[in-house]
Amino acid sequence: MKKPRLKSEKMLAITSITAILFASFATPAFADDEEDAPMTVQIARLSSEAATAVAQGAMLDCRKKGYQATATVVDKNGIVQAVVRDTLAPPVSIPISKAKAYTAVNFSADTSAMAERANTAVGMFDGVLMSAGGAVINVGGKIYGAIGVSGAPGGDIDEACAKAGIAAIAEDLEMAD
């Protein structure tokens, strides 16, 4: 019984040595180019209060124009941070506003700029909605997330409301940095 055990111990030792040697010589091809690259990145995020202020500002702008709408704010990962639905906004406006915000942040562009791509494979991807009404929350050159608005009779109005929501906190956000 000792012989098979020795063979397996030898194989284990050879395998371990090979792995150690390989690991010690294996370095990424780009290591020299990024020698001083940071090990972490900082991500600018809105507080829940700021996200709610953006959504509230957008909803109130639509209301002022005579439309009942829902506004959804997502973070840079497309995760919902705030939703504000006006009293009589249609229930379908909730998932539509979320999809507009998700699309804007994932493509780093307002959804009105993507309308011509709506019938492409990318435009038909689950959760993506390339229809006007989503706007990137980009203040001072930093993308904080996005907002999507739904409920007005046209995407152009939804998007104007979204931008009004962003404008509601833009100055404070710029001063915060």
N, C-alpha and C. Protein backbone atom coordinates (compact mmCIF):
# COMPACT_ATOMS: atom_id res chain seq x y z
N MET A 1 0.80 -1.21 0.00
CA MET A 1 0.00 0.00 0.00
C MET A 1 0.84 1.26 0.00
N LYS A 2 2.06 1.16 0.48
CA LYS A 2 2.90 2.36 0.55
C LYS A 2 3.37 2.82 -0.82
N LYS A 3 3.57 1.91 -1.75
CA LYS A 3 4.03 2.33 -3.08
C LYS A 3 3.04 3.24 -3.79
N PRO A 4 1.76 2.88 -3.89
CA PRO A 4 0.83 3.80 -4.56
C PRO A 4 0.79 5.17 -3.87
N ARG A 5 0.95 5.13 -2.56
CA ARG A 5 0.92 6.37 -1.82
C ARG A 5 2.11 7.25 -2.19
N LEU A 6 3.28 6.65 -2.35
CA LEU A 6 4.46 7.40 -2.75
C LEU A 6 4.31 8.00 -4.14
N LYS A 7 3.74 7.21 -5.03
CA LYS A 7 3.51 7.73 -6.38
C LYS A 7 2.60 8.94 -6.33
N SER A 8 1.51 8.83 -5.59
CA SER A 8 0.58 9.95 -5.53
C SER A 8 1.20 11.15 -4.83
N GLU A 9 2.06 10.90 -3.82
CA GLU A 9 2.74 12.01 -3.16
C GLU A 9 3.73 12.68 -4.10
N LYS A 10 4.44 11.86 -4.91
CA LYS A 10 5.37 12.43 -5.90
C LYS A 10 4.63 13.26 -6.93
N MET A 11 3.52 12.73 -7.41
CA MET A 11 2.72 13.47 -8.40
C MET A 11 2.20 14.78 -7.82
N LEU A 12 1.77 14.73 -6.58
CA LEU A 12 1.27 15.93 -5.92
C LEU A 12 2.40 16.95 -5.78
N ALA A 13 3.59 16.49 -5.40
CA ALA A 13 4.73 17.40 -5.26
C ALA A 13 5.11 18.01 -6.60
N ILE A 14 5.15 17.21 -7.65
CA ILE A 14 5.50 17.71 -8.98
C ILE A 14 4.46 18.71 -9.47
N THR A 15 3.20 18.36 -9.27
CA THR A 15 2.12 19.26 -9.67
C THR A 15 2.20 20.57 -8.91
N SER A 16 2.46 20.50 -7.61
CA SER A 16 2.56 21.72 -6.79
C SER A 16 3.72 22.59 -7.23
N ILE A 17 4.87 21.96 -7.47
CA ILE A 17 6.05 22.72 -7.90
C ILE A 17 5.80 23.37 -9.26
N THR A 18 5.19 22.63 -10.16
CA THR A 18 4.87 23.18 -11.48
C THR A 18 3.94 24.37 -11.35
N ALA A 19 2.94 24.24 -10.53
CA ALA A 19 1.98 25.34 -10.34
C ALA A 19 2.66 26.57 -9.75
N ILE A 20 3.54 26.35 -8.78
CA ILE A 20 4.24 27.48 -8.15
C ILE A 20 5.16 28.17 -9.16
N LEU A 21 5.91 27.36 -9.93
CA LEU A 21 6.79 27.95 -10.94
C LEU A 21 6.00 28.71 -11.98
N PHE A 22 4.91 28.14 -12.44
CA PHE A 22 4.08 28.81 -13.44
C PHE A 22 3.54 30.12 -12.90
N ALA A 23 3.04 30.09 -11.68
CA ALA A 23 2.47 31.29 -11.08
C ALA A 23 3.52 32.37 -10.87
N SER A 24 4.75 31.97 -10.52
CA SER A 24 5.78 32.97 -10.27
C SER A 24 6.27 33.64 -11.55
N PHE A 25 6.18 32.95 -12.69
CA PHE A 25 6.63 33.53 -13.94
C PHE A 25 5.50 34.14 -14.76
N ALA A 26 4.27 33.83 -14.41
CA ALA A 26 3.13 34.33 -15.18
C ALA A 26 2.79 35.74 -14.71
N THR A 27 2.93 36.70 -15.61
CA THR A 27 2.53 38.07 -15.31
C THR A 27 1.72 38.58 -16.48
N PRO A 28 0.75 39.43 -16.20
CA PRO A 28 -0.04 39.97 -17.30
C PRO A 28 0.83 40.75 -18.28
N ALA A 29 0.48 40.72 -19.54
CA ALA A 29 1.23 41.40 -20.58
C ALA A 29 1.24 42.91 -20.38
N PHE A 30 0.24 43.43 -19.74
CA PHE A 30 0.11 44.87 -19.58
C PHE A 30 0.62 45.37 -18.23
N ALA A 31 1.23 44.52 -17.43
CA ALA A 31 1.65 44.91 -16.08
C ALA A 31 2.62 46.09 -16.10
N ASP A 32 3.57 46.12 -17.01
CA ASP A 32 4.53 47.22 -17.07
C ASP A 32 3.86 48.54 -17.43
N ASP A 33 2.85 48.47 -18.31
CA ASP A 33 2.16 49.68 -18.76
C ASP A 33 1.32 50.30 -17.65
N GLU A 34 0.81 49.47 -16.75
CA GLU A 34 -0.10 49.97 -15.73
C GLU A 34 0.47 49.76 -14.33
N GLU A 35 1.77 49.90 -14.21
CA GLU A 35 2.45 49.66 -12.94
C GLU A 35 1.90 50.55 -11.84
N ASP A 36 1.55 51.78 -12.17
CA ASP A 36 1.06 52.72 -11.17
C ASP A 36 -0.45 52.82 -11.14
N ALA A 37 -1.13 51.92 -11.81
CA ALA A 37 -2.60 51.95 -11.84
C ALA A 37 -3.15 51.67 -10.45
N PRO A 38 -4.20 52.38 -10.07
CA PRO A 38 -4.79 52.15 -8.74
C PRO A 38 -5.43 50.76 -8.67
N MET A 39 -5.49 50.23 -7.47
CA MET A 39 -6.09 48.91 -7.25
C MET A 39 -7.61 49.01 -7.10
N THR A 40 -8.11 50.20 -6.87
CA THR A 40 -9.56 50.39 -6.71
C THR A 40 -9.99 51.60 -7.53
N VAL A 41 -11.27 51.73 -7.73
CA VAL A 41 -11.83 52.89 -8.40
C VAL A 41 -12.90 53.51 -7.51
N GLN A 42 -13.05 54.80 -7.62
CA GLN A 42 -14.10 55.48 -6.88
C GLN A 42 -15.28 55.71 -7.81
N ILE A 43 -16.45 55.45 -7.31
CA ILE A 43 -17.66 55.61 -8.10
C ILE A 43 -18.53 56.67 -7.45
N ALA A 44 -18.86 57.69 -8.22
CA ALA A 44 -19.74 58.75 -7.71
C ALA A 44 -21.17 58.23 -7.72
N ARG A 45 -21.85 58.34 -6.59
CA ARG A 45 -23.23 57.87 -6.48
C ARG A 45 -24.08 58.95 -5.83
N LEU A 46 -25.31 59.00 -6.22
CA LEU A 46 -26.25 59.92 -5.59
C LEU A 46 -26.70 59.34 -4.26
N SER A 47 -26.93 60.20 -3.30
CA SER A 47 -27.56 59.75 -2.06
C SER A 47 -29.02 59.46 -2.37
N SER A 48 -29.68 58.77 -1.47
CA SER A 48 -31.11 58.49 -1.70
C SER A 48 -31.91 59.79 -1.73
N GLU A 49 -31.48 60.77 -0.94
CA GLU A 49 -32.17 62.06 -0.93
C GLU A 49 -32.01 62.77 -2.28
N ALA A 50 -30.81 62.73 -2.83
CA ALA A 50 -30.57 63.38 -4.13
C ALA A 50 -31.33 62.66 -5.24
N ALA A 51 -31.32 61.33 -5.22
CA ALA A 51 -32.05 60.56 -6.24
C ALA A 51 -33.55 60.87 -6.17
N THR A 52 -34.06 60.96 -4.96
CA THR A 52 -35.49 61.27 -4.78
C THR A 52 -35.79 62.69 -5.25
N ALA A 53 -34.87 63.62 -5.01
CA ALA A 53 -35.07 65.01 -5.47
C ALA A 53 -35.11 65.08 -6.99
N VAL A 54 -34.27 64.29 -7.67
CA VAL A 54 -34.29 64.26 -9.14
C VAL A 54 -35.63 63.73 -9.63
N ALA A 55 -36.07 62.61 -9.08
CA ALA A 55 -37.35 62.01 -9.49
C ALA A 55 -38.52 62.95 -9.19
N GLN A 56 -38.52 63.53 -8.02
CA GLN A 56 -39.58 64.46 -7.62
C GLN A 56 -39.60 65.68 -8.54
N GLY A 57 -38.43 66.22 -8.86
CA GLY A 57 -38.34 67.38 -9.75
C GLY A 57 -38.89 67.07 -11.13
N ALA A 58 -38.61 65.88 -11.63
CA ALA A 58 -39.11 65.49 -12.95
C ALA A 58 -40.63 65.32 -12.93
N MET A 59 -41.12 64.64 -11.92
CA MET A 59 -42.56 64.42 -11.81
C MET A 59 -43.30 65.75 -11.69
N LEU A 60 -42.77 66.66 -10.89
CA LEU A 60 -43.43 67.96 -10.72
C LEU A 60 -43.38 68.79 -11.99
N ASP A 61 -42.30 68.67 -12.76
CA ASP A 61 -42.23 69.39 -14.03
C ASP A 61 -43.29 68.88 -15.00
N CYS A 62 -43.47 67.57 -15.06
CA CYS A 62 -44.52 67.01 -15.91
C CYS A 62 -45.90 67.47 -15.43
N ARG A 63 -46.11 67.46 -14.13
CA ARG A 63 -47.39 67.89 -13.58
C ARG A 63 -47.68 69.34 -13.96
N LYS A 64 -46.65 70.20 -13.87
CA LYS A 64 -46.80 71.61 -14.22
C LYS A 64 -47.21 71.78 -15.69
N LYS A 65 -46.78 70.84 -16.52
CA LYS A 65 -47.14 70.85 -17.94
C LYS A 65 -48.49 70.20 -18.20
N GLY A 66 -49.10 69.67 -17.14
CA GLY A 66 -50.43 69.07 -17.28
C GLY A 66 -50.43 67.56 -17.47
N TYR A 67 -49.33 66.89 -17.15
CA TYR A 67 -49.24 65.44 -17.36
C TYR A 67 -48.94 64.70 -16.07
N GLN A 68 -49.58 63.57 -15.91
CA GLN A 68 -49.32 62.68 -14.78
C GLN A 68 -48.25 61.69 -15.22
N ALA A 69 -47.14 61.64 -14.51
CA ALA A 69 -46.02 60.81 -14.95
C ALA A 69 -45.35 60.11 -13.78
N THR A 70 -44.53 59.14 -14.13
CA THR A 70 -43.68 58.45 -13.17
C THR A 70 -42.24 58.72 -13.56
N ALA A 71 -41.41 58.96 -12.55
CA ALA A 71 -39.97 59.17 -12.77
C ALA A 71 -39.20 58.14 -11.94
N THR A 72 -38.26 57.47 -12.60
CA THR A 72 -37.41 56.47 -11.93
C THR A 72 -35.95 56.87 -12.09
N VAL A 73 -35.22 56.87 -10.99
CA VAL A 73 -33.79 57.16 -11.00
C VAL A 73 -33.05 55.86 -10.69
N VAL A 74 -32.03 55.57 -11.52
CA VAL A 74 -31.19 54.40 -11.30
C VAL A 74 -29.75 54.84 -11.09
N ASP A 75 -28.98 54.00 -10.41
CA ASP A 75 -27.57 54.29 -10.22
C ASP A 75 -26.78 53.85 -11.46
N LYS A 76 -25.46 53.92 -11.38
CA LYS A 76 -24.63 53.60 -12.54
C LYS A 76 -24.73 52.14 -12.98
N ASN A 77 -25.24 51.29 -12.11
CA ASN A 77 -25.43 49.88 -12.46
C ASN A 77 -26.82 49.59 -12.98
N GLY A 78 -27.66 50.61 -13.04
CA GLY A 78 -29.03 50.41 -13.51
C GLY A 78 -29.97 49.94 -12.42
N ILE A 79 -29.54 50.01 -11.17
CA ILE A 79 -30.37 49.58 -10.05
C ILE A 79 -31.18 50.77 -9.56
N VAL A 80 -32.46 50.54 -9.35
CA VAL A 80 -33.38 51.62 -8.96
C VAL A 80 -32.98 52.20 -7.61
N GLN A 81 -32.93 53.54 -7.58
CA GLN A 81 -32.68 54.28 -6.34
C GLN A 81 -33.92 55.01 -5.86
N ALA A 82 -34.74 55.48 -6.80
CA ALA A 82 -35.93 56.24 -6.41
C ALA A 82 -36.99 56.15 -7.51
N VAL A 83 -38.23 56.08 -7.08
CA VAL A 83 -39.37 56.10 -8.00
C VAL A 83 -40.40 57.05 -7.41
N VAL A 84 -40.88 57.97 -8.25
CA VAL A 84 -41.95 58.87 -7.83
C VAL A 84 -43.03 58.79 -8.90
N ARG A 85 -44.22 58.38 -8.49
CA ARG A 85 -45.36 58.26 -9.42
C ARG A 85 -46.41 59.27 -8.99
N ASP A 86 -46.83 60.11 -9.94
CA ASP A 86 -47.88 61.08 -9.63
C ASP A 86 -49.18 60.33 -9.40
N THR A 87 -50.09 60.97 -8.74
CA THR A 87 -51.32 60.35 -8.28
C THR A 87 -52.06 59.55 -9.34
N LEU A 88 -52.22 60.11 -10.51
CA LEU A 88 -53.00 59.45 -11.56
C LEU A 88 -52.16 58.92 -12.72
N ALA A 89 -50.85 58.86 -12.54
CA ALA A 89 -50.00 58.32 -13.61
C ALA A 89 -50.37 56.85 -13.83
N PRO A 90 -50.44 56.44 -15.09
CA PRO A 90 -50.84 55.05 -15.36
C PRO A 90 -49.83 54.06 -14.79
N PRO A 91 -50.30 52.93 -14.29
CA PRO A 91 -49.40 51.93 -13.72
C PRO A 91 -48.30 51.46 -14.68
N VAL A 92 -48.59 51.42 -15.96
CA VAL A 92 -47.59 50.98 -16.95
C VAL A 92 -46.41 51.94 -17.02
N SER A 93 -46.60 53.17 -16.53
CA SER A 93 -45.50 54.14 -16.57
C SER A 93 -44.36 53.75 -15.62
N ILE A 94 -44.63 52.90 -14.66
CA ILE A 94 -43.58 52.48 -13.71
C ILE A 94 -42.51 51.64 -14.43
N PRO A 95 -42.87 50.53 -15.08
CA PRO A 95 -41.81 49.75 -15.75
C PRO A 95 -41.22 50.47 -16.97
N ILE A 96 -42.01 51.31 -17.61
CA ILE A 96 -41.48 52.04 -18.77
C ILE A 96 -40.42 53.05 -18.32
N SER A 97 -40.70 53.79 -17.25
CA SER A 97 -39.71 54.77 -16.77
C SER A 97 -38.44 54.06 -16.30
N LYS A 98 -38.59 52.92 -15.68
CA LYS A 98 -37.41 52.16 -15.24
C LYS A 98 -36.58 51.71 -16.45
N ALA A 99 -37.23 51.19 -17.48
CA ALA A 99 -36.51 50.72 -18.67
C ALA A 99 -35.79 51.87 -19.37
N LYS A 100 -36.40 53.04 -19.41
CA LYS A 100 -35.75 54.20 -20.04
C LYS A 100 -34.51 54.60 -19.25
N ALA A 101 -34.62 54.63 -17.93
CA ALA A 101 -33.47 54.99 -17.10
C ALA A 101 -32.36 53.95 -17.24
N TYR A 102 -32.72 52.68 -17.19
CA TYR A 102 -31.76 51.58 -17.31
C TYR A 102 -31.01 51.67 -18.65
N THR A 103 -31.74 51.95 -19.71
CA THR A 103 -31.14 52.05 -21.03
C THR A 103 -30.18 53.24 -21.10
N ALA A 104 -30.62 54.39 -20.60
CA ALA A 104 -29.77 55.59 -20.65
C ALA A 104 -28.45 55.37 -19.92
N VAL A 105 -28.50 54.79 -18.73
CA VAL A 105 -27.27 54.63 -17.97
C VAL A 105 -26.37 53.55 -18.58
N ASN A 106 -26.94 52.50 -19.12
CA ASN A 106 -26.11 51.44 -19.70
C ASN A 106 -25.44 51.83 -21.00
N PHE A 107 -26.03 52.77 -21.72
CA PHE A 107 -25.43 53.23 -22.97
C PHE A 107 -24.79 54.62 -22.81
N SER A 108 -24.86 55.16 -21.61
CA SER A 108 -24.31 56.50 -21.31
C SER A 108 -24.78 57.54 -22.31
N ALA A 109 -26.07 57.47 -22.63
CA ALA A 109 -26.65 58.41 -23.60
C ALA A 109 -28.14 58.56 -23.33
N ASP A 110 -28.65 59.75 -23.64
CA ASP A 110 -30.09 59.95 -23.53
C ASP A 110 -30.79 59.02 -24.52
N THR A 111 -31.93 58.50 -24.14
CA THR A 111 -32.60 57.51 -24.99
C THR A 111 -33.13 58.10 -26.29
N SER A 112 -33.34 59.39 -26.35
CA SER A 112 -33.81 60.00 -27.61
C SER A 112 -32.75 59.85 -28.70
N ALA A 113 -31.49 59.78 -28.30
CA ALA A 113 -30.40 59.62 -29.27
C ALA A 113 -30.29 58.20 -29.80
N MET A 114 -31.05 57.28 -29.21
CA MET A 114 -30.97 55.87 -29.61
C MET A 114 -32.21 55.35 -30.33
N ALA A 115 -33.16 56.21 -30.59
CA ALA A 115 -34.44 55.78 -31.16
C ALA A 115 -34.29 54.98 -32.45
N GLU A 116 -33.33 55.36 -33.29
CA GLU A 116 -33.16 54.65 -34.57
C GLU A 116 -32.63 53.23 -34.37
N ARG A 117 -32.11 52.92 -33.19
CA ARG A 117 -31.60 51.57 -32.90
C ARG A 117 -32.65 50.68 -32.24
N ALA A 118 -33.84 51.19 -32.03
CA ALA A 118 -34.87 50.46 -31.30
C ALA A 118 -35.22 49.11 -31.93
N ASN A 119 -35.18 49.00 -33.24
CA ASN A 119 -35.55 47.75 -33.90
C ASN A 119 -34.35 46.87 -34.25
N THR A 120 -33.22 47.11 -33.59
CA THR A 120 -32.05 46.26 -33.79
C THR A 120 -32.02 45.20 -32.69
N ALA A 121 -31.09 44.27 -32.81
CA ALA A 121 -30.97 43.23 -31.78
C ALA A 121 -30.69 43.84 -30.41
N VAL A 122 -29.85 44.86 -30.36
CA VAL A 122 -29.56 45.52 -29.09
C VAL A 122 -30.80 46.23 -28.56
N GLY A 123 -31.52 46.88 -29.44
CA GLY A 123 -32.73 47.60 -29.04
C GLY A 123 -33.84 46.72 -28.55
N MET A 124 -33.81 45.44 -28.90
CA MET A 124 -34.84 44.50 -28.48
C MET A 124 -34.41 43.64 -27.29
N PHE A 125 -33.24 43.97 -26.73
CA PHE A 125 -32.74 43.24 -25.57
C PHE A 125 -33.66 43.48 -24.38
N ASP A 126 -33.91 42.44 -23.58
CA ASP A 126 -34.80 42.57 -22.42
C ASP A 126 -34.36 43.70 -21.49
N GLY A 127 -35.30 44.53 -21.11
CA GLY A 127 -35.04 45.62 -20.18
C GLY A 127 -34.58 46.91 -20.83
N VAL A 128 -34.28 46.85 -22.13
CA VAL A 128 -33.81 48.03 -22.85
C VAL A 128 -34.99 48.67 -23.57
N LEU A 129 -35.09 49.99 -23.48
CA LEU A 129 -36.15 50.72 -24.17
C LEU A 129 -35.56 51.99 -24.78
N MET A 130 -35.35 51.94 -26.08
CA MET A 130 -34.73 53.06 -26.79
C MET A 130 -35.80 54.00 -27.32
N SER A 131 -36.50 54.59 -26.39
CA SER A 131 -37.56 55.54 -26.69
C SER A 131 -37.29 56.78 -25.85
N ALA A 132 -37.49 57.95 -26.40
CA ALA A 132 -37.19 59.19 -25.69
C ALA A 132 -37.86 59.22 -24.32
N GLY A 133 -37.13 59.79 -23.37
CA GLY A 133 -37.65 59.91 -22.01
C GLY A 133 -36.64 59.48 -20.96
N GLY A 134 -35.49 58.97 -21.38
CA GLY A 134 -34.43 58.61 -20.45
C GLY A 134 -33.27 59.57 -20.62
N ALA A 135 -32.71 60.02 -19.52
CA ALA A 135 -31.59 60.97 -19.57
C ALA A 135 -30.51 60.58 -18.57
N VAL A 136 -29.27 60.70 -19.00
CA VAL A 136 -28.13 60.41 -18.14
C VAL A 136 -27.98 61.56 -17.14
N ILE A 137 -27.74 61.22 -15.89
CA ILE A 137 -27.46 62.24 -14.87
C ILE A 137 -25.96 62.47 -14.91
N ASN A 138 -25.56 63.42 -15.75
CA ASN A 138 -24.16 63.75 -15.98
C ASN A 138 -23.97 65.20 -15.55
N VAL A 139 -23.32 65.38 -14.42
CA VAL A 139 -23.10 66.72 -13.88
C VAL A 139 -21.61 66.89 -13.63
N GLY A 140 -21.05 67.95 -14.17
CA GLY A 140 -19.64 68.21 -13.99
C GLY A 140 -18.75 67.14 -14.59
N GLY A 141 -19.23 66.49 -15.64
CA GLY A 141 -18.45 65.45 -16.29
C GLY A 141 -18.49 64.09 -15.62
N LYS A 142 -19.27 63.96 -14.57
CA LYS A 142 -19.43 62.68 -13.87
C LYS A 142 -20.81 62.11 -14.12
N ILE A 143 -20.86 60.84 -14.45
CA ILE A 143 -22.16 60.18 -14.60
C ILE A 143 -22.52 59.55 -13.27
N TYR A 144 -23.66 59.98 -12.73
CA TYR A 144 -24.14 59.49 -11.44
C TYR A 144 -25.20 58.41 -11.58
N GLY A 145 -25.78 58.31 -12.75
CA GLY A 145 -26.88 57.37 -12.98
C GLY A 145 -27.72 57.90 -14.12
N ALA A 146 -29.01 57.61 -14.06
CA ALA A 146 -29.91 58.11 -15.10
C ALA A 146 -31.32 58.20 -14.53
N ILE A 147 -32.15 58.92 -15.26
CA ILE A 147 -33.57 59.04 -14.91
C ILE A 147 -34.40 58.70 -16.13
N GLY A 148 -35.49 58.02 -15.90
CA GLY A 148 -36.45 57.73 -16.96
C GLY A 148 -37.81 58.27 -16.55
N VAL A 149 -38.51 58.85 -17.49
CA VAL A 149 -39.84 59.40 -17.22
C VAL A 149 -40.81 58.83 -18.22
N SER A 150 -42.01 58.52 -17.75
CA SER A 150 -43.08 58.01 -18.61
C SER A 150 -44.41 58.54 -18.13
N GLY A 151 -45.27 58.88 -19.07
CA GLY A 151 -46.62 59.34 -18.72
C GLY A 151 -47.12 60.48 -19.58
N ALA A 152 -46.21 61.27 -20.12
CA ALA A 152 -46.61 62.37 -21.01
C ALA A 152 -46.99 61.78 -22.37
N PRO A 153 -47.68 62.54 -23.20
CA PRO A 153 -48.11 61.99 -24.49
C PRO A 153 -46.98 61.81 -25.52
N GLY A 154 -45.79 62.20 -25.19
CA GLY A 154 -44.67 62.01 -26.12
C GLY A 154 -43.37 61.89 -25.36
N GLY A 155 -42.44 61.11 -25.92
CA GLY A 155 -41.15 60.93 -25.29
C GLY A 155 -40.36 62.21 -25.14
N ASP A 156 -40.56 63.15 -26.08
CA ASP A 156 -39.84 64.41 -25.98
C ASP A 156 -40.24 65.18 -24.73
N ILE A 157 -41.51 65.10 -24.36
CA ILE A 157 -41.98 65.76 -23.14
C ILE A 157 -41.44 65.00 -21.92
N ASP A 158 -41.48 63.66 -21.97
CA ASP A 158 -40.91 62.86 -20.88
C ASP A 158 -39.46 63.25 -20.64
N GLU A 159 -38.70 63.38 -21.74
CA GLU A 159 -37.28 63.70 -21.60
C GLU A 159 -37.06 65.11 -21.07
N ALA A 160 -37.89 66.05 -21.48
CA ALA A 160 -37.79 67.41 -20.95
C ALA A 160 -38.04 67.41 -19.44
N CYS A 161 -38.99 66.62 -19.00
CA CYS A 161 -39.27 66.49 -17.56
C CYS A 161 -38.07 65.86 -16.85
N ALA A 162 -37.48 64.84 -17.47
CA ALA A 162 -36.30 64.18 -16.89
C ALA A 162 -35.17 65.18 -16.70
N LYS A 163 -34.95 66.00 -17.71
CA LYS A 163 -33.86 66.99 -17.63
C LYS A 163 -34.16 68.06 -16.59
N ALA A 164 -35.44 68.37 -16.41
CA ALA A 164 -35.82 69.32 -15.35
C ALA A 164 -35.52 68.72 -13.98
N GLY A 165 -35.71 67.42 -13.84
CA GLY A 165 -35.38 66.75 -12.58
C GLY A 165 -33.88 66.81 -12.29
N ILE A 166 -33.08 66.60 -13.32
CA ILE A 166 -31.62 66.68 -13.16
C ILE A 166 -31.22 68.11 -12.79
N ALA A 167 -31.83 69.08 -13.47
CA ALA A 167 -31.52 70.48 -13.21
C ALA A 167 -31.84 70.87 -11.76
N ALA A 168 -32.81 70.19 -11.16
CA ALA A 168 -33.22 70.50 -9.79
C ALA A 168 -32.08 70.31 -8.78
N ILE A 169 -31.11 69.43 -9.10
CA ILE A 169 -30.01 69.22 -8.15
C ILE A 169 -28.63 69.51 -8.75
N ALA A 170 -28.57 69.86 -10.02
CA ALA A 170 -27.28 70.00 -10.71
C ALA A 170 -26.34 70.98 -10.03
N GLU A 171 -26.83 72.14 -9.66
CA GLU A 171 -25.97 73.14 -9.04
C GLU A 171 -25.44 72.65 -7.70
N ASP A 172 -26.30 72.06 -6.89
CA ASP A 172 -25.86 71.53 -5.60
C ASP A 172 -24.85 70.41 -5.78
N LEU A 173 -25.06 69.60 -6.80
CA LEU A 173 -24.16 68.48 -7.07
C LEU A 173 -22.78 68.98 -7.50
N GLU A 174 -22.76 70.01 -8.33
CA GLU A 174 -21.49 70.59 -8.75
C GLU A 174 -20.73 71.20 -7.58
N MET A 175 -21.45 71.83 -6.67
CA MET A 175 -20.82 72.45 -5.49
C MET A 175 -20.31 71.40 -4.51
N ALA A 176 -20.90 70.22 -4.52
CA ALA A 176 -20.53 69.16 -3.59
C ALA A 176 -19.16 68.57 -3.91
N ASP A 177 -18.75 68.67 -5.17
CA ASP A 177 -17.45 68.07 -5.55
C ASP A 177 -16.33 68.99 -5.42
